[in-house]
Structure formats: C-alpha cells, structure tokens
PDB file of all heavy atoms in Angstrom:
ATOM      1  N   GLN A   1      97.718 105.863 112.436  1.00  0.00           N
ATOM      2  CA  GLN A   1      98.034 104.755 113.297  1.00  0.00           C
ATOM      3  C   GLN A   1      98.728 103.725 112.513  1.00  0.00           C
ATOM      4  O   GLN A   1      98.270 103.312 111.471  1.00  0.00           O
ATOM      5  CB  GLN A   1      96.709 104.204 113.849  1.00  0.00           C
ATOM      6  CG  GLN A   1      96.915 102.942 114.736  1.00  0.00           C
ATOM      7  CD  GLN A   1      97.626 103.253 116.027  1.00  0.00           C
ATOM      8  OE1 GLN A   1      97.281 104.268 116.696  1.00  0.00           O
ATOM      9  NE2 GLN A   1      98.552 102.418 116.461  1.00  0.00           N
ATOM     10  N   MET A   2      99.929 103.392 112.984  1.00  0.00           N
ATOM     11  CA  MET A   2     100.781 102.465 112.271  1.00  0.00           C
ATOM     12  C   MET A   2     100.965 101.203 113.101  1.00  0.00           C
ATOM     13  O   MET A   2     101.631 101.328 114.182  1.00  0.00           O
ATOM     14  CB  MET A   2     102.156 103.080 111.912  1.00  0.00           C
ATOM     15  CG  MET A   2     101.970 104.428 111.139  1.00  0.00           C
ATOM     16  SD  MET A   2     103.568 105.091 110.605  1.00  0.00           S
ATOM     17  CE  MET A   2     104.334 105.405 112.123  1.00  0.00           C
ATOM     18  N   ASN A   3     100.500 100.068 112.664  1.00  0.00           N
ATOM     19  CA  ASN A   3     100.628  98.854 113.333  1.00  0.00           C
ATOM     20  C   ASN A   3     101.504  97.836 112.550  1.00  0.00           C
ATOM     21  O   ASN A   3     101.695  98.048 111.349  1.00  0.00           O
ATOM     22  CB  ASN A   3      99.223  98.191 113.571  1.00  0.00           C
ATOM     23  CG  ASN A   3      98.367  98.995 114.472  1.00  0.00           C
ATOM     24  OD1 ASN A   3      98.851  99.789 115.366  1.00  0.00           O
ATOM     25  ND2 ASN A   3      97.104  98.926 114.209  1.00  0.00           N
ATOM     26  N   SER A   4     101.947  96.817 113.167  1.00  0.00           N
ATOM     27  CA  SER A   4     102.758  95.774 112.512  1.00  0.00           C
ATOM     28  C   SER A   4     103.881  96.369 111.715  1.00  0.00           C
ATOM     29  O   SER A   4     104.118  96.027 110.546  1.00  0.00           O
ATOM     30  CB  SER A   4     101.877  94.930 111.641  1.00  0.00           C
ATOM     31  OG  SER A   4     100.862  94.286 112.335  1.00  0.00           O
ATOM     32  N   LEU A   5     104.575  97.293 112.350  1.00  0.00           N
ATOM     33  CA  LEU A   5     105.648  98.039 111.615  1.00  0.00           C
ATOM     34  C   LEU A   5     106.757  97.097 111.217  1.00  0.00           C
ATOM     35  O   LEU A   5     107.142  96.133 111.911  1.00  0.00           O
ATOM     36  CB  LEU A   5     106.186  99.158 112.483  1.00  0.00           C
ATOM     37  CG  LEU A   5     105.187 100.357 112.512  1.00  0.00           C
ATOM     38  CD1 LEU A   5     105.544 101.228 113.707  1.00  0.00           C
ATOM     39  CD2 LEU A   5     105.286 101.156 111.304  1.00  0.00           C
ATOM     40  N   LYS A   6     107.356  97.394 110.062  1.00  0.00           N
ATOM     41  CA  LYS A   6     108.454  96.651 109.477  1.00  0.00           C
ATOM     42  C   LYS A   6     109.640  97.549 109.301  1.00  0.00           C
ATOM     43  O   LYS A   6     109.492  98.769 109.228  1.00  0.00           O
ATOM     44  CB  LYS A   6     108.019  96.090 108.086  1.00  0.00           C
ATOM     45  CG  LYS A   6     106.746  95.367 108.071  1.00  0.00           C
ATOM     46  CD  LYS A   6     106.396  94.962 106.716  1.00  0.00           C
ATOM     47  CE  LYS A   6     105.049  94.166 106.648  1.00  0.00           C
ATOM     48  NZ  LYS A   6     104.683  93.826 105.236  1.00  0.00           N
ATOM     49  N   PRO A   7     110.847  96.993 109.226  1.00  0.00           N
ATOM     50  CA  PRO A   7     112.043  97.788 108.990  1.00  0.00           C
ATOM     51  C   PRO A   7     111.919  98.763 107.719  1.00  0.00           C
ATOM     52  O   PRO A   7     112.439  99.830 107.749  1.00  0.00           O
ATOM     53  CB  PRO A   7     113.153  96.830 108.875  1.00  0.00           C
ATOM     54  CG  PRO A   7     112.715  95.628 109.656  1.00  0.00           C
ATOM     55  CD  PRO A   7     111.211  95.611 109.482  1.00  0.00           C
ATOM     56  N   GLU A   8     111.250  98.239 106.714  1.00  0.00           N
ATOM     57  CA  GLU A   8     111.150  99.008 105.529  1.00  0.00           C
ATOM     58  C   GLU A   8     110.117 100.191 105.677  1.00  0.00           C
ATOM     59  O   GLU A   8     109.959 101.028 104.774  1.00  0.00           O
ATOM     60  CB  GLU A   8     110.637  98.180 104.357  1.00  0.00           C
ATOM     61  CG  GLU A   8     109.422  97.284 104.626  1.00  0.00           C
ATOM     62  CD  GLU A   8     109.822  95.899 105.050  1.00  0.00           C
ATOM     63  OE1 GLU A   8     110.724  95.716 105.835  1.00  0.00           O
ATOM     64  OE2 GLU A   8     109.111  94.926 104.521  1.00  0.00           O
ATOM     65  N   ASP A   9     109.508 100.373 106.837  1.00  0.00           N
ATOM     66  CA  ASP A   9     108.661 101.499 107.070  1.00  0.00           C
ATOM     67  C   ASP A   9     109.452 102.689 107.625  1.00  0.00           C
ATOM     68  O   ASP A   9     108.986 103.770 107.793  1.00  0.00           O
ATOM     69  CB  ASP A   9     107.553 101.174 108.158  1.00  0.00           C
ATOM     70  CG  ASP A   9     106.577 100.204 107.605  1.00  0.00           C
ATOM     71  OD1 ASP A   9     106.092 100.301 106.457  1.00  0.00           O
ATOM     72  OD2 ASP A   9     106.167  99.274 108.310  1.00  0.00           O
ATOM     73  N   THR A  10     110.760 102.414 107.892  1.00  0.00           N
ATOM     74  CA  THR A  10     111.658 103.494 108.452  1.00  0.00           C
ATOM     75  C   THR A  10     111.771 104.623 107.422  1.00  0.00           C
ATOM     76  O   THR A  10     112.088 104.428 106.194  1.00  0.00           O
ATOM     77  CB  THR A  10     113.005 102.845 108.655  1.00  0.00           C
ATOM     78  OG1 THR A  10     112.969 101.907 109.718  1.00  0.00           O
ATOM     79  CG2 THR A  10     114.042 103.957 109.045  1.00  0.00           C
ATOM     80  N   ALA A  11     111.449 105.828 107.879  1.00  0.00           N
ATOM     81  CA  ALA A  11     111.487 107.043 106.984  1.00  0.00           C
ATOM     82  C   ALA A  11     111.125 108.200 107.820  1.00  0.00           C
ATOM     83  O   ALA A  11     110.743 108.115 109.006  1.00  0.00           O
ATOM     84  CB  ALA A  11     110.434 106.823 105.858  1.00  0.00           C
ATOM     85  N   VAL A  12     111.295 109.420 107.264  1.00  0.00           N
ATOM     86  CA  VAL A  12     110.689 110.600 107.781  1.00  0.00           C
ATOM     87  C   VAL A  12     109.270 110.686 107.250  1.00  0.00           C
ATOM     88  O   VAL A  12     109.094 110.597 106.020  1.00  0.00           O
ATOM     89  CB  VAL A  12     111.485 111.830 107.374  1.00  0.00           C
ATOM     90  CG1 VAL A  12     110.843 113.086 107.951  1.00  0.00           C
ATOM     91  CG2 VAL A  12     112.921 111.765 107.896  1.00  0.00           C
ATOM     92  N   TYR A  13     108.304 110.872 108.154  1.00  0.00           N
ATOM     93  CA  TYR A  13     106.933 110.933 107.794  1.00  0.00           C
ATOM     94  C   TYR A  13     106.425 112.390 107.848  1.00  0.00           C
ATOM     95  O   TYR A  13     106.726 113.040 108.811  1.00  0.00           O
ATOM     96  CB  TYR A  13     106.057 110.081 108.754  1.00  0.00           C
ATOM     97  CG  TYR A  13     106.158 108.598 108.442  1.00  0.00           C
ATOM     98  CD1 TYR A  13     107.366 107.862 108.704  1.00  0.00           C
ATOM     99  CD2 TYR A  13     105.061 107.922 107.862  1.00  0.00           C
ATOM    100  CE1 TYR A  13     107.470 106.525 108.340  1.00  0.00           C
ATOM    101  CE2 TYR A  13     105.261 106.527 107.535  1.00  0.00           C
ATOM    102  CZ  TYR A  13     106.379 105.870 107.791  1.00  0.00           C
ATOM    103  OH  TYR A  13     106.474 104.540 107.489  1.00  0.00           O
ATOM    104  N   TYR A  14     105.782 112.774 106.798  1.00  0.00           N
ATOM    105  CA  TYR A  14     105.179 114.150 106.698  1.00  0.00           C
ATOM    106  C   TYR A  14     103.716 114.123 106.567  1.00  0.00           C
ATOM    107  O   TYR A  14     103.170 113.226 105.859  1.00  0.00           O
ATOM    108  CB  TYR A  14     105.741 114.810 105.376  1.00  0.00           C
ATOM    109  CG  TYR A  14     107.313 114.903 105.337  1.00  0.00           C
ATOM    110  CD1 TYR A  14     108.068 113.861 104.828  1.00  0.00           C
ATOM    111  CD2 TYR A  14     107.938 116.051 105.860  1.00  0.00           C
ATOM    112  CE1 TYR A  14     109.453 113.973 104.756  1.00  0.00           C
ATOM    113  CE2 TYR A  14     109.321 116.128 105.786  1.00  0.00           C
ATOM    114  CZ  TYR A  14     110.071 115.115 105.205  1.00  0.00           C
ATOM    115  OH  TYR A  14     111.386 115.246 105.124  1.00  0.00           O
ATOM    116  N   CYS A  15     103.082 115.096 107.071  1.00  0.00           N
ATOM    117  CA  CYS A  15     101.620 115.308 106.784  1.00  0.00           C
ATOM    118  C   CYS A  15     101.558 116.539 105.911  1.00  0.00           C
ATOM    119  O   CYS A  15     102.443 117.429 105.914  1.00  0.00           O
ATOM    120  CB  CYS A  15     100.827 115.462 107.986  1.00  0.00           C
ATOM    121  SG  CYS A  15     101.069 116.990 108.978  1.00  0.00           S
ATOM    122  N   ALA A  16     100.559 116.528 105.117  1.00  0.00           N
ATOM    123  CA  ALA A  16     100.335 117.640 104.136  1.00  0.00           C
ATOM    124  C   ALA A  16      98.813 117.809 103.875  1.00  0.00           C
ATOM    125  O   ALA A  16      98.023 116.864 104.171  1.00  0.00           O
ATOM    126  CB  ALA A  16     101.052 117.352 102.829  1.00  0.00           C
ATOM    127  N   VAL A  17      98.421 118.960 103.486  1.00  0.00           N
ATOM    128  CA  VAL A  17      97.011 119.180 103.123  1.00  0.00           C
ATOM    129  C   VAL A  17      96.831 119.661 101.740  1.00  0.00           C
ATOM    130  O   VAL A  17      97.739 120.265 101.168  1.00  0.00           O
ATOM    131  CB  VAL A  17      96.400 120.262 104.090  1.00  0.00           C
ATOM    132  CG1 VAL A  17      96.385 119.694 105.559  1.00  0.00           C
ATOM    133  CG2 VAL A  17      97.038 121.591 104.047  1.00  0.00           C
ATOM    134  N   THR A  18      95.650 119.383 101.197  1.00  0.00           N
ATOM    135  CA  THR A  18      95.306 119.765  99.821  1.00  0.00           C
ATOM    136  C   THR A  18      93.844 120.054  99.799  1.00  0.00           C
ATOM    137  O   THR A  18      93.010 119.550 100.588  1.00  0.00           O
ATOM    138  CB  THR A  18      95.654 118.487  98.929  1.00  0.00           C
ATOM    139  OG1 THR A  18      95.327 118.890  97.540  1.00  0.00           O
ATOM    140  CG2 THR A  18      94.872 117.308  99.274  1.00  0.00           C
ATOM    141  N   PRO A  19      93.405 120.957  98.868  1.00  0.00           N
ATOM    142  CA  PRO A  19      92.017 121.259  98.708  1.00  0.00           C
ATOM    143  C   PRO A  19      91.115 120.060  98.486  1.00  0.00           C
ATOM    144  O   PRO A  19      91.634 119.053  98.005  1.00  0.00           O
ATOM    145  CB  PRO A  19      92.001 122.284  97.588  1.00  0.00           C
ATOM    146  CG  PRO A  19      93.303 122.893  97.591  1.00  0.00           C
ATOM    147  CD  PRO A  19      94.197 121.759  97.965  1.00  0.00           C
ATOM    148  N   PRO A  20      89.811 120.162  98.672  1.00  0.00           N
ATOM    149  CA  PRO A  20      88.914 119.034  98.487  1.00  0.00           C
ATOM    150  C   PRO A  20      88.997 118.484  97.120  1.00  0.00           C
ATOM    151  O   PRO A  20      89.198 119.169  96.129  1.00  0.00           O
ATOM    152  CB  PRO A  20      87.564 119.636  98.738  1.00  0.00           C
ATOM    153  CG  PRO A  20      87.845 120.801  99.639  1.00  0.00           C
ATOM    154  CD  PRO A  20      89.180 121.359  99.249  1.00  0.00           C
ATOM    155  N   GLY A  21      88.836 117.135  96.996  1.00  0.00           N
ATOM    156  CA  GLY A  21      88.797 116.495  95.729  1.00  0.00           C
ATOM    157  C   GLY A  21      89.978 115.575  95.442  1.00  0.00           C
ATOM    158  O   GLY A  21      89.868 114.536  94.721  1.00  0.00           O
ATOM    159  N   VAL A  22      91.143 115.957  95.978  1.00  0.00           N
ATOM    160  CA  VAL A  22      92.362 115.160  95.672  1.00  0.00           C
ATOM    161  C   VAL A  22      92.255 113.714  96.095  1.00  0.00           C
ATOM    162  O   VAL A  22      92.659 112.782  95.400  1.00  0.00           O
ATOM    163  CB  VAL A  22      93.556 115.880  96.229  1.00  0.00           C
ATOM    164  CG1 VAL A  22      94.780 114.958  96.095  1.00  0.00           C
ATOM    165  CG2 VAL A  22      93.829 117.193  95.606  1.00  0.00           C
ATOM    166  N   CYS A  23      91.709 113.491  97.311  1.00  0.00           N
ATOM    167  CA  CYS A  23      91.632 112.111  97.795  1.00  0.00           C
ATOM    168  C   CYS A  23      90.680 111.251  96.977  1.00  0.00           C
ATOM    169  O   CYS A  23      90.739 110.033  97.192  1.00  0.00           O
ATOM    170  CB  CYS A  23      91.285 112.107  99.308  1.00  0.00           C
ATOM    171  SG  CYS A  23      92.624 112.577 100.379  1.00  0.00           S
ATOM    172  N   TYR A  24      89.898 111.798  96.158  1.00  0.00           N
ATOM    173  CA  TYR A  24      88.958 111.044  95.358  1.00  0.00           C
ATOM    174  C   TYR A  24      89.612 110.734  94.007  1.00  0.00           C
ATOM    175  O   TYR A  24      89.009 110.008  93.220  1.00  0.00           O
ATOM    176  CB  TYR A  24      87.675 111.864  95.121  1.00  0.00           C
ATOM    177  CG  TYR A  24      86.741 111.948  96.294  1.00  0.00           C
ATOM    178  CD1 TYR A  24      86.907 113.059  97.185  1.00  0.00           C
ATOM    179  CD2 TYR A  24      85.841 110.994  96.562  1.00  0.00           C
ATOM    180  CE1 TYR A  24      85.989 113.124  98.257  1.00  0.00           C
ATOM    181  CE2 TYR A  24      84.990 111.090  97.663  1.00  0.00           C
ATOM    182  CZ  TYR A  24      85.109 112.161  98.512  1.00  0.00           C
ATOM    183  OH  TYR A  24      84.267 112.302  99.571  1.00  0.00           O
ATOM    184  N   SER A  25      90.823 111.229  93.793  1.00  0.00           N
ATOM    185  CA  SER A  25      91.405 110.947  92.496  1.00  0.00           C
ATOM    186  C   SER A  25      92.523 109.942  92.532  1.00  0.00           C
ATOM    187  O   SER A  25      92.993 109.540  93.581  1.00  0.00           O
ATOM    188  CB  SER A  25      92.077 112.286  92.024  1.00  0.00           C
ATOM    189  OG  SER A  25      93.246 112.543  92.652  1.00  0.00           O
ATOM    190  N   SER A  26      92.913 109.416  91.395  1.00  0.00           N
ATOM    191  CA  SER A  26      93.943 108.439  91.308  1.00  0.00           C
ATOM    192  C   SER A  26      95.356 109.005  91.495  1.00  0.00           C
ATOM    193  O   SER A  26      96.300 108.209  91.596  1.00  0.00           O
ATOM    194  CB  SER A  26      93.904 107.697  89.954  1.00  0.00           C
ATOM    195  OG  SER A  26      94.085 108.691  88.906  1.00  0.00           O
ATOM    196  N   THR A  27      95.435 110.291  91.618  1.00  0.00           N
ATOM    197  CA  THR A  27      96.727 110.983  91.814  1.00  0.00           C
ATOM    198  C   THR A  27      96.879 111.542  93.231  1.00  0.00           C
ATOM    199  O   THR A  27      97.593 112.476  93.460  1.00  0.00           O
ATOM    200  CB  THR A  27      97.010 112.074  90.768  1.00  0.00           C
ATOM    201  OG1 THR A  27      95.916 113.003  90.895  1.00  0.00           O
ATOM    202  CG2 THR A  27      97.035 111.528  89.409  1.00  0.00           C
ATOM    203  N   TRP A  28      96.130 110.902  94.168  1.00  0.00           N
ATOM    204  CA  TRP A  28      96.144 111.409  95.561  1.00  0.00           C
ATOM    205  C   TRP A  28      97.514 111.293  96.121  1.00  0.00           C
ATOM    206  O   TRP A  28      97.904 111.958  97.153  1.00  0.00           O
ATOM    207  CB  TRP A  28      95.189 110.584  96.434  1.00  0.00           C
ATOM    208  CG  TRP A  28      95.602 109.180  96.559  1.00  0.00           C
ATOM    209  CD1 TRP A  28      95.182 108.130  95.797  1.00  0.00           C
ATOM    210  CD2 TRP A  28      96.461 108.580  97.571  1.00  0.00           C
ATOM    211  NE1 TRP A  28      95.739 106.938  96.236  1.00  0.00           N
ATOM    212  CE2 TRP A  28      96.557 107.206  97.277  1.00  0.00           C
ATOM    213  CE3 TRP A  28      97.218 109.164  98.596  1.00  0.00           C
ATOM    214  CZ2 TRP A  28      97.361 106.352  98.063  1.00  0.00           C
ATOM    215  CZ3 TRP A  28      97.989 108.301  99.352  1.00  0.00           C
ATOM    216  CH2 TRP A  28      98.069 106.909  99.111  1.00  0.00           C
ATOM    217  N   ASP A  29      98.402 110.500  95.652  1.00  0.00           N
ATOM    218  CA  ASP A  29      99.692 110.202  96.185  1.00  0.00           C
ATOM    219  C   ASP A  29     100.859 111.008  95.516  1.00  0.00           C
ATOM    220  O   ASP A  29     101.981 110.796  95.760  1.00  0.00           O
ATOM    221  CB  ASP A  29     100.054 108.670  96.081  1.00  0.00           C
ATOM    222  CG  ASP A  29      99.979 108.184  94.665  1.00  0.00           C
ATOM    223  OD1 ASP A  29      99.526 108.870  93.760  1.00  0.00           O
ATOM    224  OD2 ASP A  29     100.494 107.108  94.423  1.00  0.00           O
ATOM    225  N   ARG A  30     100.435 111.995  94.750  1.00  0.00           N
ATOM    226  CA  ARG A  30     101.397 112.868  94.134  1.00  0.00           C
ATOM    227  C   ARG A  30     101.678 114.069  95.011  1.00  0.00           C
ATOM    228  O   ARG A  30     100.776 114.880  95.309  1.00  0.00           O
ATOM    229  CB  ARG A  30     100.934 113.401  92.779  1.00  0.00           C
ATOM    230  CG  ARG A  30     100.494 112.311  91.825  1.00  0.00           C
ATOM    231  CD  ARG A  30     101.702 111.660  91.126  1.00  0.00           C
ATOM    232  NE  ARG A  30     101.312 110.552  90.239  1.00  0.00           N
ATOM    233  CZ  ARG A  30     100.865 110.670  89.006  1.00  0.00           C
ATOM    234  NH1 ARG A  30     100.831 111.955  88.419  1.00  0.00           N
ATOM    235  NH2 ARG A  30     100.554 109.601  88.280  1.00  0.00           N
ATOM    236  N   ALA A  31     102.901 114.214  95.522  1.00  0.00           N
ATOM    237  CA  ALA A  31     103.265 115.249  96.448  1.00  0.00           C
ATOM    238  C   ALA A  31     102.946 116.684  95.886  1.00  0.00           C
ATOM    239  O   ALA A  31     102.610 117.564  96.644  1.00  0.00           O
ATOM    240  CB  ALA A  31     104.679 115.129  96.812  1.00  0.00           C
ATOM    241  N   ILE A  32     103.060 116.775  94.628  1.00  0.00           N
ATOM    242  CA  ILE A  32     102.863 118.160  93.996  1.00  0.00           C
ATOM    243  C   ILE A  32     101.453 118.660  94.191  1.00  0.00           C
ATOM    244  O   ILE A  32     101.250 119.814  94.099  1.00  0.00           O
ATOM    245  CB  ILE A  32     103.300 118.095  92.454  1.00  0.00           C
ATOM    246  CG1 ILE A  32     103.488 119.527  91.970  1.00  0.00           C
ATOM    247  CG2 ILE A  32     102.167 117.324  91.688  1.00  0.00           C
ATOM    248  CD1 ILE A  32     104.037 119.553  90.589  1.00  0.00           C
ATOM    249  N   ARG A  33     100.530 117.758  94.457  1.00  0.00           N
ATOM    250  CA  ARG A  33      99.140 118.168  94.627  1.00  0.00           C
ATOM    251  C   ARG A  33      98.800 118.718  96.021  1.00  0.00           C
ATOM    252  O   ARG A  33      97.691 119.190  96.245  1.00  0.00           O
ATOM    253  CB  ARG A  33      98.211 117.006  94.322  1.00  0.00           C
ATOM    254  CG  ARG A  33      98.409 116.423  92.938  1.00  0.00           C
ATOM    255  CD  ARG A  33      97.144 115.701  92.411  1.00  0.00           C
ATOM    256  NE  ARG A  33      96.059 116.642  92.314  1.00  0.00           N
ATOM    257  CZ  ARG A  33      94.854 116.269  91.893  1.00  0.00           C
ATOM    258  NH1 ARG A  33      94.563 115.024  91.634  1.00  0.00           N
ATOM    259  NH2 ARG A  33      93.818 117.145  91.844  1.00  0.00           N
ATOM    260  N   TYR A  34      99.793 118.719  96.894  1.00  0.00           N
ATOM    261  CA  TYR A  34      99.615 119.151  98.288  1.00  0.00           C
ATOM    262  C   TYR A  34     100.184 120.519  98.504  1.00  0.00           C
ATOM    263  O   TYR A  34     101.285 120.849  98.007  1.00  0.00           O
ATOM    264  CB  TYR A  34     100.162 118.167  99.278  1.00  0.00           C
ATOM    265  CG  TYR A  34      99.373 116.812  99.271  1.00  0.00           C
ATOM    266  CD1 TYR A  34      99.487 115.977  98.186  1.00  0.00           C
ATOM    267  CD2 TYR A  34      98.495 116.570 100.287  1.00  0.00           C
ATOM    268  CE1 TYR A  34      98.696 114.815  98.142  1.00  0.00           C
ATOM    269  CE2 TYR A  34      97.677 115.402 100.243  1.00  0.00           C
ATOM    270  CZ  TYR A  34      97.826 114.542  99.195  1.00  0.00           C
ATOM    271  OH  TYR A  34      97.036 113.398  99.132  1.00  0.00           O
ATOM    272  N   THR A  35      99.390 121.312  99.250  1.00  0.00           N
ATOM    273  CA  THR A  35      99.789 122.756  99.325  1.00  0.00           C
ATOM    274  C   THR A  35     100.652 123.062 100.546  1.00  0.00           C
ATOM    275  O   THR A  35     101.641 123.829 100.428  1.00  0.00           O
ATOM    276  CB  THR A  35      98.470 123.561  99.484  1.00  0.00           C
ATOM    277  OG1 THR A  35      97.570 123.151  98.489  1.00  0.00           O
ATOM    278  CG2 THR A  35      98.787 125.070  99.487  1.00  0.00           C
ATOM    279  N   TYR A  36     100.303 122.632 101.694  1.00  0.00           N
ATOM    280  CA  TYR A  36     101.044 122.869 102.914  1.00  0.00           C
ATOM    281  C   TYR A  36     101.620 121.634 103.510  1.00  0.00           C
ATOM    282  O   TYR A  36     100.908 120.555 103.495  1.00  0.00           O
ATOM    283  CB  TYR A  36     100.173 123.608 103.953  1.00  0.00           C
ATOM    284  CG  TYR A  36      99.582 124.900 103.448  1.00  0.00           C
ATOM    285  CD1 TYR A  36      98.246 124.997 103.255  1.00  0.00           C
ATOM    286  CD2 TYR A  36     100.374 125.993 103.128  1.00  0.00           C
ATOM    287  CE1 TYR A  36      97.611 126.148 102.783  1.00  0.00           C
ATOM    288  CE2 TYR A  36      99.808 127.142 102.700  1.00  0.00           C
ATOM    289  CZ  TYR A  36      98.453 127.229 102.517  1.00  0.00           C
ATOM    290  OH  TYR A  36      97.891 128.421 102.044  1.00  0.00           O
ATOM    291  N   TRP A  37     102.845 121.720 104.034  1.00  0.00           N
ATOM    292  CA  TRP A  37     103.575 120.580 104.591  1.00  0.00           C
ATOM    293  C   TRP A  37     104.078 120.775 105.936  1.00  0.00           C
ATOM    294  O   TRP A  37     104.440 121.927 106.330  1.00  0.00           O
ATOM    295  CB  TRP A  37     104.767 120.252 103.694  1.00  0.00           C
ATOM    296  CG  TRP A  37     104.343 119.665 102.322  1.00  0.00           C
ATOM    297  CD1 TRP A  37     103.934 120.451 101.285  1.00  0.00           C
ATOM    298  CD2 TRP A  37     104.345 118.338 101.945  1.00  0.00           C
ATOM    299  NE1 TRP A  37     103.670 119.619 100.184  1.00  0.00           N
ATOM    300  CE2 TRP A  37     103.905 118.326 100.586  1.00  0.00           C
ATOM    301  CE3 TRP A  37     104.609 117.149 102.588  1.00  0.00           C
ATOM    302  CZ2 TRP A  37     103.748 117.087  99.864  1.00  0.00           C
ATOM    303  CZ3 TRP A  37     104.518 115.992 101.862  1.00  0.00           C
ATOM    304  CH2 TRP A  37     104.092 115.958 100.537  1.00  0.00           C
ATOM    305  N   GLY A  38     104.110 119.768 106.773  1.00  0.00           N
ATOM    306  CA  GLY A  38     104.798 119.815 108.007  1.00  0.00           C
ATOM    307  C   GLY A  38     106.294 119.599 107.902  1.00  0.00           C
ATOM    308  O   GLY A  38     106.795 119.388 106.813  1.00  0.00           O
ATOM    309  N   GLN A  39     107.027 119.586 108.999  1.00  0.00           N
ATOM    310  CA  GLN A  39     108.461 119.523 109.000  1.00  0.00           C
ATOM    311  C   GLN A  39     108.928 118.083 108.980  1.00  0.00           C
ATOM    312  O   GLN A  39     110.077 117.786 108.797  1.00  0.00           O
ATOM    313  CB  GLN A  39     109.092 120.246 110.175  1.00  0.00           C
ATOM    314  CG  GLN A  39     109.108 119.491 111.477  1.00  0.00           C
ATOM    315  CD  GLN A  39     107.733 119.300 112.112  1.00  0.00           C
ATOM    316  OE1 GLN A  39     106.718 119.883 111.721  1.00  0.00           O
ATOM    317  NE2 GLN A  39     107.682 118.465 113.078  1.00  0.00           N
ATOM    318  N   GLY A  40     108.024 117.098 109.315  1.00  0.00           N
ATOM    319  CA  GLY A  40     108.373 115.803 109.362  1.00  0.00           C
ATOM    320  C   GLY A  40     108.716 115.215 110.655  1.00  0.00           C
ATOM    321  O   GLY A  40     109.133 115.944 111.567  1.00  0.00           O
TER     322      GLY A  40
END
C-alpha cells in the first residue's frame, strides 16, 4: 500500500521472494538475496 506518493516514487516496482531469515537481516534490501521475481 503506497500513500502520499511523490514524483520520486516513480519507478517499475517488482516483488520478489526469498527463503526465511532474510527479512531479519540488515541485508534484506539486497536484490541478490531474492530467488524469484515478478515482471514488474
């Protein structure tokens, strides 16, 4: 859910999945840690 959108939010948005544990780490935002991706 995206509220109060700004022009700088303009982008292609992708969802991706990763095995358990990644979201608990400081590197959750590293794309390389994600296994499967949508098309955007």
